[in-house]
């Protein structure tokens, strides 16, 4: 491949990775807010993620096109069935990674939460399956 084409391909792949990570963060935030029995509005998502309302509106537009969320004009945001499925998968990855970091590696809770949030977007399915199976054998302080 010509170096210019390779550079453009790598740039596009990086943009897609950033978009995927951001979309997953929005799905996870909406799930969390819905699970708190709240009617989710863009201002709630902005507060949860520490971003501006225009950023939320742009992201919700992308998620609507992907079939992940529904929103009435200027109204409540809700996950579709597929959006909820993906958000639950993301949340499971986050919780599993955080448990591993805290209970196996001894990382403090706040750092483990931040690190899990970064790791959940890049870990492979195989690694998650194996890590999930392993973490189920590790005693935790709650048990």
N, C-alpha and C. Protein backbone atom coordinates (compact mmCIF):
# COMPACT_ATOMS: atom_id res chain seq x y z
N UNK A 1 0.85 -1.17 0.00
CA UNK A 1 0.00 0.00 0.00
C UNK A 1 0.90 1.24 0.00
N UNK A 2 0.49 2.26 -0.71
CA UNK A 2 1.24 3.51 -0.78
C UNK A 2 1.20 4.18 0.60
N UNK A 3 2.33 4.74 1.05
CA UNK A 3 2.38 5.34 2.39
C UNK A 3 1.26 6.34 2.66
N UNK A 4 0.89 7.15 1.69
CA UNK A 4 -0.17 8.14 1.88
C UNK A 4 -1.51 7.44 2.14
N UNK A 5 -1.79 6.38 1.39
CA UNK A 5 -3.02 5.61 1.59
C UNK A 5 -3.00 4.91 2.94
N UNK A 6 -1.85 4.39 3.34
CA UNK A 6 -1.72 3.73 4.64
C UNK A 6 -1.97 4.71 5.76
N UNK A 7 -1.41 5.91 5.65
CA UNK A 7 -1.61 6.93 6.68
C UNK A 7 -3.08 7.31 6.79
N UNK A 8 -3.75 7.44 5.66
CA UNK A 8 -5.18 7.78 5.67
C UNK A 8 -5.99 6.66 6.28
N UNK A 9 -5.65 5.43 5.94
CA UNK A 9 -6.35 4.27 6.51
C UNK A 9 -6.17 4.22 8.03
N UNK A 10 -4.97 4.46 8.50
CA UNK A 10 -4.69 4.46 9.94
C UNK A 10 -5.44 5.59 10.64
N UNK A 11 -5.53 6.76 9.99
CA UNK A 11 -6.26 7.89 10.56
C UNK A 11 -7.73 7.54 10.70
N UNK A 12 -8.30 6.93 9.68
CA UNK A 12 -9.72 6.54 9.71
C UNK A 12 -9.95 5.50 10.80
N UNK A 13 -9.06 4.53 10.91
CA UNK A 13 -9.20 3.50 11.93
C UNK A 13 -9.14 4.11 13.33
N UNK A 14 -8.26 5.08 13.53
CA UNK A 14 -8.16 5.74 14.83
C UNK A 14 -9.43 6.53 15.13
N UNK A 15 -9.98 7.22 14.15
CA UNK A 15 -11.24 7.96 14.34
C UNK A 15 -12.38 7.00 14.68
N UNK A 16 -12.43 5.84 14.01
CA UNK A 16 -13.46 4.85 14.31
C UNK A 16 -13.32 4.31 15.73
N UNK A 17 -12.08 4.11 16.17
CA UNK A 17 -11.83 3.63 17.53
C UNK A 17 -12.32 4.66 18.54
N UNK A 18 -12.02 5.93 18.31
CA UNK A 18 -12.45 6.99 19.21
C UNK A 18 -13.97 7.08 19.23
N UNK A 19 -14.59 6.98 18.06
CA UNK A 19 -16.05 7.04 17.98
C UNK A 19 -16.67 5.85 18.70
N UNK A 20 -16.11 4.66 18.52
CA UNK A 20 -16.63 3.46 19.18
C UNK A 20 -16.51 3.60 20.70
N UNK A 21 -15.35 4.07 21.17
CA UNK A 21 -15.15 4.24 22.60
C UNK A 21 -16.13 5.26 23.17
N UNK A 22 -16.30 6.37 22.49
CA UNK A 22 -17.23 7.40 22.96
C UNK A 22 -18.66 6.87 22.97
N UNK A 23 -19.04 6.17 21.90
CA UNK A 23 -20.39 5.62 21.83
C UNK A 23 -20.63 4.64 22.97
N UNK A 24 -19.65 3.81 23.27
CA UNK A 24 -19.78 2.86 24.36
C UNK A 24 -19.91 3.57 25.70
N UNK A 25 -19.18 4.66 25.89
CA UNK A 25 -19.29 5.43 27.13
C UNK A 25 -20.69 6.03 27.27
N UNK A 26 -21.25 6.52 26.17
CA UNK A 26 -22.60 7.07 26.22
C UNK A 26 -23.62 5.98 26.53
N UNK A 27 -23.49 4.83 25.90
CA UNK A 27 -24.42 3.73 26.17
C UNK A 27 -24.35 3.32 27.64
N UNK A 28 -23.15 3.21 28.16
CA UNK A 28 -22.96 2.81 29.56
C UNK A 28 -23.57 3.86 30.50
N UNK A 29 -23.38 5.13 30.20
CA UNK A 29 -23.94 6.20 31.04
C UNK A 29 -25.46 6.18 31.01
N UNK A 30 -26.04 6.00 29.83
CA UNK A 30 -27.50 5.96 29.72
C UNK A 30 -28.05 4.77 30.50
N UNK A 31 -27.40 3.61 30.37
CA UNK A 31 -27.84 2.43 31.13
C UNK A 31 -27.81 2.71 32.63
N UNK A 32 -26.72 3.27 33.09
CA UNK A 32 -26.58 3.57 34.52
C UNK A 32 -27.70 4.51 34.98
N UNK A 33 -27.96 5.54 34.20
CA UNK A 33 -29.02 6.50 34.57
C UNK A 33 -30.40 5.86 34.51
N UNK A 34 -30.65 5.04 33.50
CA UNK A 34 -31.94 4.33 33.42
C UNK A 34 -32.12 3.39 34.61
N UNK A 35 -31.04 2.71 34.98
CA UNK A 35 -31.11 1.77 36.10
C UNK A 35 -31.35 2.47 37.44
N UNK A 36 -31.07 3.75 37.50
CA UNK A 36 -31.36 4.53 38.70
C UNK A 36 -32.81 5.01 38.68
N UNK A 37 -33.62 4.41 37.77
CA UNK A 37 -35.04 4.75 37.63
C UNK A 37 -35.25 6.22 37.28
N UNK A 38 -34.39 6.70 36.41
CA UNK A 38 -34.51 8.09 36.00
C UNK A 38 -34.96 8.17 34.56
N UNK A 39 -35.70 9.21 34.27
CA UNK A 39 -36.00 9.55 32.88
C UNK A 39 -34.76 10.28 32.39
N UNK A 40 -34.06 9.69 31.46
CA UNK A 40 -32.77 10.20 31.04
C UNK A 40 -32.95 11.34 30.04
N UNK A 41 -32.33 12.47 30.36
CA UNK A 41 -32.33 13.63 29.47
C UNK A 41 -30.88 13.93 29.10
N UNK A 42 -30.70 14.72 28.08
CA UNK A 42 -29.34 15.04 27.64
C UNK A 42 -28.54 15.71 28.74
N UNK A 43 -29.18 16.52 29.56
CA UNK A 43 -28.47 17.19 30.65
C UNK A 43 -27.97 16.17 31.68
N UNK A 44 -28.72 15.09 31.87
CA UNK A 44 -28.30 14.03 32.80
C UNK A 44 -27.05 13.32 32.27
N UNK A 45 -27.07 13.02 30.98
CA UNK A 45 -25.92 12.34 30.36
C UNK A 45 -24.70 13.26 30.39
N UNK A 46 -24.91 14.54 30.12
CA UNK A 46 -23.80 15.50 30.16
C UNK A 46 -23.18 15.53 31.55
N UNK A 47 -24.03 15.55 32.57
CA UNK A 47 -23.52 15.55 33.94
C UNK A 47 -22.79 14.28 34.30
N UNK A 48 -23.32 13.15 33.86
CA UNK A 48 -22.70 11.86 34.15
C UNK A 48 -21.32 11.73 33.53
N UNK A 49 -21.17 12.22 32.30
CA UNK A 49 -19.91 12.06 31.58
C UNK A 49 -19.00 13.29 31.66
N UNK A 50 -19.52 14.39 32.20
CA UNK A 50 -18.70 15.60 32.27
C UNK A 50 -18.44 16.22 30.92
N UNK A 51 -19.45 16.20 30.06
CA UNK A 51 -19.32 16.77 28.72
C UNK A 51 -20.42 17.82 28.52
N UNK A 52 -20.34 18.55 27.43
CA UNK A 52 -21.34 19.59 27.15
C UNK A 52 -22.61 18.99 26.56
N UNK A 53 -23.71 19.71 26.68
CA UNK A 53 -24.97 19.25 26.10
C UNK A 53 -24.88 19.14 24.57
N UNK A 54 -24.21 20.07 23.88
CA UNK A 54 -24.07 19.89 22.43
C UNK A 54 -23.32 18.59 22.07
N UNK A 55 -22.33 18.22 22.89
CA UNK A 55 -21.62 16.95 22.65
C UNK A 55 -22.57 15.77 22.82
N UNK A 56 -23.41 15.84 23.84
CA UNK A 56 -24.39 14.77 24.07
C UNK A 56 -25.36 14.69 22.90
N UNK A 57 -25.86 15.84 22.45
CA UNK A 57 -26.81 15.85 21.34
C UNK A 57 -26.21 15.25 20.08
N UNK A 58 -24.96 15.55 19.82
CA UNK A 58 -24.27 14.98 18.65
C UNK A 58 -24.14 13.46 18.80
N UNK A 59 -23.71 13.02 19.97
CA UNK A 59 -23.54 11.59 20.22
C UNK A 59 -24.86 10.85 20.15
N UNK A 60 -25.92 11.44 20.68
CA UNK A 60 -27.23 10.80 20.66
C UNK A 60 -27.69 10.66 19.21
N UNK A 61 -27.40 11.66 18.38
CA UNK A 61 -27.73 11.56 16.96
C UNK A 61 -27.06 10.38 16.29
N UNK A 62 -25.79 10.17 16.62
CA UNK A 62 -25.04 9.02 16.08
C UNK A 62 -25.64 7.72 16.59
N UNK A 63 -25.93 7.66 17.88
CA UNK A 63 -26.49 6.44 18.47
C UNK A 63 -27.89 6.14 17.92
N UNK A 64 -28.66 7.17 17.62
CA UNK A 64 -29.98 6.96 17.01
C UNK A 64 -29.82 6.34 15.62
N UNK A 65 -28.87 6.85 14.85
CA UNK A 65 -28.62 6.29 13.51
C UNK A 65 -28.15 4.84 13.58
N UNK A 66 -27.46 4.50 14.66
CA UNK A 66 -26.97 3.13 14.85
C UNK A 66 -28.07 2.22 15.42
N UNK A 67 -29.22 2.80 15.77
CA UNK A 67 -30.31 2.01 16.32
C UNK A 67 -30.12 1.64 17.78
N UNK A 68 -29.30 2.40 18.50
CA UNK A 68 -29.00 2.09 19.89
C UNK A 68 -29.88 2.83 20.88
N UNK A 69 -30.37 4.01 20.50
CA UNK A 69 -31.21 4.80 21.39
C UNK A 69 -32.39 5.38 20.62
N UNK A 70 -33.39 5.75 21.40
CA UNK A 70 -34.54 6.48 20.86
C UNK A 70 -34.66 7.76 21.66
N UNK A 71 -35.14 8.81 21.01
CA UNK A 71 -35.34 10.07 21.72
C UNK A 71 -36.43 10.87 21.03
N UNK A 72 -37.36 11.31 21.83
CA UNK A 72 -38.35 12.25 21.33
C UNK A 72 -37.65 13.60 21.19
N UNK A 73 -38.09 14.45 20.26
CA UNK A 73 -37.43 15.75 20.12
C UNK A 73 -37.36 16.47 21.48
N UNK A 74 -36.16 16.78 21.88
CA UNK A 74 -35.87 17.46 23.15
C UNK A 74 -36.44 16.71 24.36
N UNK A 75 -36.58 15.41 24.21
CA UNK A 75 -37.19 14.64 25.29
C UNK A 75 -36.31 13.56 25.84
N UNK A 76 -36.98 12.62 26.46
CA UNK A 76 -36.36 11.50 27.15
C UNK A 76 -35.55 10.64 26.18
N UNK A 77 -34.39 10.19 26.65
CA UNK A 77 -33.51 9.29 25.90
C UNK A 77 -33.68 7.90 26.49
N UNK A 78 -33.86 6.91 25.62
CA UNK A 78 -33.96 5.54 26.12
C UNK A 78 -33.20 4.60 25.20
N UNK A 79 -32.69 3.55 25.78
CA UNK A 79 -31.96 2.53 25.02
C UNK A 79 -32.95 1.66 24.26
N UNK A 80 -32.59 1.28 23.04
CA UNK A 80 -33.35 0.28 22.32
C UNK A 80 -32.95 -1.08 22.89
N UNK A 81 -33.60 -2.13 22.44
CA UNK A 81 -33.24 -3.47 22.89
C UNK A 81 -31.77 -3.76 22.58
N UNK A 82 -31.34 -3.42 21.37
CA UNK A 82 -29.94 -3.64 20.98
C UNK A 82 -29.00 -2.74 21.78
N UNK A 83 -29.41 -1.50 22.00
CA UNK A 83 -28.60 -0.58 22.79
C UNK A 83 -28.42 -1.08 24.21
N UNK A 84 -29.50 -1.60 24.80
CA UNK A 84 -29.42 -2.15 26.16
C UNK A 84 -28.53 -3.39 26.19
N UNK A 85 -28.62 -4.23 25.18
CA UNK A 85 -27.78 -5.43 25.13
C UNK A 85 -26.30 -5.03 25.10
N UNK A 86 -25.97 -4.08 24.23
CA UNK A 86 -24.57 -3.66 24.12
C UNK A 86 -24.11 -2.94 25.39
N UNK A 87 -24.98 -2.11 25.95
CA UNK A 87 -24.62 -1.39 27.18
C UNK A 87 -24.36 -2.38 28.32
N UNK A 88 -25.17 -3.42 28.42
CA UNK A 88 -24.96 -4.43 29.45
C UNK A 88 -23.64 -5.16 29.25
N UNK A 89 -23.26 -5.43 28.00
CA UNK A 89 -21.97 -6.07 27.72
C UNK A 89 -20.82 -5.17 28.14
N UNK A 90 -20.95 -3.89 27.84
CA UNK A 90 -19.91 -2.93 28.21
C UNK A 90 -19.80 -2.86 29.74
N UNK A 91 -20.94 -2.79 30.41
CA UNK A 91 -20.96 -2.71 31.87
C UNK A 91 -20.34 -3.97 32.48
N UNK A 92 -20.63 -5.14 31.92
CA UNK A 92 -20.04 -6.38 32.42
C UNK A 92 -18.53 -6.36 32.27
N UNK A 93 -18.04 -5.89 31.12
CA UNK A 93 -16.59 -5.78 30.93
C UNK A 93 -16.00 -4.85 31.99
N UNK A 94 -16.65 -3.72 32.21
CA UNK A 94 -16.15 -2.75 33.18
C UNK A 94 -16.08 -3.36 34.58
N UNK A 95 -17.16 -3.97 35.01
CA UNK A 95 -17.23 -4.54 36.36
C UNK A 95 -16.19 -5.65 36.52
N UNK A 96 -16.07 -6.51 35.52
CA UNK A 96 -15.10 -7.61 35.58
C UNK A 96 -13.68 -7.09 35.65
N UNK A 97 -13.36 -6.12 34.80
CA UNK A 97 -12.01 -5.55 34.81
C UNK A 97 -11.72 -4.85 36.14
N UNK A 98 -12.70 -4.13 36.65
CA UNK A 98 -12.51 -3.43 37.93
C UNK A 98 -12.28 -4.43 39.06
N UNK A 99 -13.04 -5.53 39.07
CA UNK A 99 -12.83 -6.56 40.10
C UNK A 99 -11.42 -7.13 40.01
N UNK A 100 -10.98 -7.41 38.80
CA UNK A 100 -9.63 -7.95 38.62
C UNK A 100 -8.59 -6.96 39.15
N UNK A 101 -8.74 -5.70 38.79
CA UNK A 101 -7.77 -4.70 39.20
C UNK A 101 -7.76 -4.51 40.72
N UNK A 102 -8.93 -4.52 41.34
CA UNK A 102 -8.97 -4.28 42.78
C UNK A 102 -8.65 -5.53 43.60
N UNK A 103 -9.29 -6.64 43.29
CA UNK A 103 -9.16 -7.83 44.14
C UNK A 103 -7.95 -8.70 43.82
N UNK A 104 -7.47 -8.65 42.59
CA UNK A 104 -6.30 -9.45 42.24
C UNK A 104 -5.02 -8.62 42.30
N UNK A 105 -5.07 -7.42 41.72
CA UNK A 105 -3.86 -6.60 41.67
C UNK A 105 -3.74 -5.60 42.81
N UNK A 106 -4.82 -5.41 43.57
CA UNK A 106 -4.75 -4.51 44.71
C UNK A 106 -4.77 -3.03 44.36
N UNK A 107 -5.28 -2.69 43.19
CA UNK A 107 -5.37 -1.30 42.77
C UNK A 107 -6.50 -0.63 43.56
N UNK A 108 -6.29 0.63 43.96
CA UNK A 108 -7.34 1.32 44.71
C UNK A 108 -8.58 1.51 43.83
N UNK A 109 -9.72 1.66 44.48
CA UNK A 109 -11.02 1.68 43.81
C UNK A 109 -11.12 2.75 42.72
N UNK A 110 -10.72 3.97 43.03
CA UNK A 110 -10.85 5.07 42.06
C UNK A 110 -9.98 4.84 40.83
N UNK A 111 -8.75 4.39 41.05
CA UNK A 111 -7.84 4.12 39.92
C UNK A 111 -8.35 2.94 39.11
N UNK A 112 -8.83 1.90 39.79
CA UNK A 112 -9.36 0.72 39.10
C UNK A 112 -10.56 1.11 38.23
N UNK A 113 -11.41 1.98 38.73
CA UNK A 113 -12.57 2.42 37.97
C UNK A 113 -12.14 3.16 36.71
N UNK A 114 -11.18 4.08 36.83
CA UNK A 114 -10.69 4.83 35.67
C UNK A 114 -10.01 3.90 34.67
N UNK A 115 -9.17 2.99 35.16
CA UNK A 115 -8.46 2.08 34.27
C UNK A 115 -9.41 1.12 33.57
N UNK A 116 -10.39 0.60 34.31
CA UNK A 116 -11.37 -0.31 33.71
C UNK A 116 -12.13 0.39 32.60
N UNK A 117 -12.44 1.67 32.80
CA UNK A 117 -13.16 2.44 31.78
C UNK A 117 -12.35 2.54 30.49
N UNK A 118 -11.06 2.63 30.60
CA UNK A 118 -10.20 2.68 29.40
C UNK A 118 -10.04 1.30 28.78
N UNK A 119 -9.83 0.30 29.62
CA UNK A 119 -9.55 -1.05 29.15
C UNK A 119 -10.76 -1.73 28.50
N UNK A 120 -11.96 -1.42 28.99
CA UNK A 120 -13.17 -2.10 28.52
C UNK A 120 -13.40 -1.96 27.02
N UNK A 121 -12.80 -0.95 26.41
CA UNK A 121 -13.02 -0.68 25.00
C UNK A 121 -12.06 -1.42 24.07
N UNK A 122 -10.99 -1.96 24.63
CA UNK A 122 -9.96 -2.55 23.77
C UNK A 122 -9.69 -4.02 24.03
N UNK A 123 -10.21 -4.56 25.13
CA UNK A 123 -9.92 -5.95 25.47
C UNK A 123 -10.68 -6.89 24.50
N UNK A 124 -10.02 -7.97 24.11
CA UNK A 124 -10.62 -8.92 23.16
C UNK A 124 -11.70 -9.77 23.84
N UNK A 125 -12.55 -10.35 23.03
CA UNK A 125 -13.60 -11.23 23.56
C UNK A 125 -12.99 -12.43 24.27
N UNK A 126 -11.94 -13.01 23.69
CA UNK A 126 -11.30 -14.17 24.31
C UNK A 126 -10.73 -13.83 25.68
N UNK A 127 -10.04 -12.70 25.76
CA UNK A 127 -9.48 -12.28 27.04
C UNK A 127 -10.58 -12.06 28.06
N UNK A 128 -11.69 -11.43 27.64
CA UNK A 128 -12.80 -11.19 28.57
C UNK A 128 -13.42 -12.50 29.04
N UNK A 129 -13.59 -13.46 28.14
CA UNK A 129 -14.15 -14.76 28.55
C UNK A 129 -13.26 -15.41 29.60
N UNK A 130 -11.96 -15.43 29.34
CA UNK A 130 -11.03 -16.06 30.27
C UNK A 130 -10.94 -15.28 31.59
N UNK A 131 -10.94 -13.97 31.50
CA UNK A 131 -10.87 -13.15 32.71
C UNK A 131 -12.15 -13.31 33.54
N UNK A 132 -13.29 -13.36 32.87
CA UNK A 132 -14.57 -13.56 33.58
C UNK A 132 -14.57 -14.89 34.30
N UNK A 133 -14.12 -15.93 33.62
CA UNK A 133 -14.06 -17.25 34.25
C UNK A 133 -13.10 -17.24 35.44
N UNK A 134 -11.98 -16.57 35.30
CA UNK A 134 -11.00 -16.50 36.38
C UNK A 134 -11.55 -15.71 37.56
N UNK A 135 -12.12 -14.54 37.29
CA UNK A 135 -12.56 -13.67 38.38
C UNK A 135 -13.66 -14.31 39.21
N UNK A 136 -14.41 -15.23 38.62
CA UNK A 136 -15.44 -15.95 39.38
C UNK A 136 -14.85 -16.86 40.44
N UNK A 137 -13.57 -17.19 40.32
CA UNK A 137 -12.92 -18.07 41.30
C UNK A 137 -12.21 -17.28 42.40
N UNK A 138 -12.13 -15.97 42.24
CA UNK A 138 -11.40 -15.14 43.19
C UNK A 138 -12.33 -14.64 44.28
N UNK A 139 -11.98 -14.90 45.54
CA UNK A 139 -12.83 -14.39 46.63
C UNK A 139 -12.71 -12.87 46.69
N UNK A 140 -13.85 -12.23 46.91
CA UNK A 140 -13.86 -10.78 47.04
C UNK A 140 -14.25 -10.41 48.46
N UNK A 141 -14.03 -9.17 48.82
CA UNK A 141 -14.33 -8.70 50.17
C UNK A 141 -15.83 -8.73 50.46
N UNK A 142 -16.67 -8.65 49.39
CA UNK A 142 -18.11 -8.68 49.60
C UNK A 142 -18.61 -10.08 49.90
N UNK A 143 -17.85 -11.10 49.54
CA UNK A 143 -18.32 -12.50 49.70
C UNK A 143 -18.16 -12.97 51.11
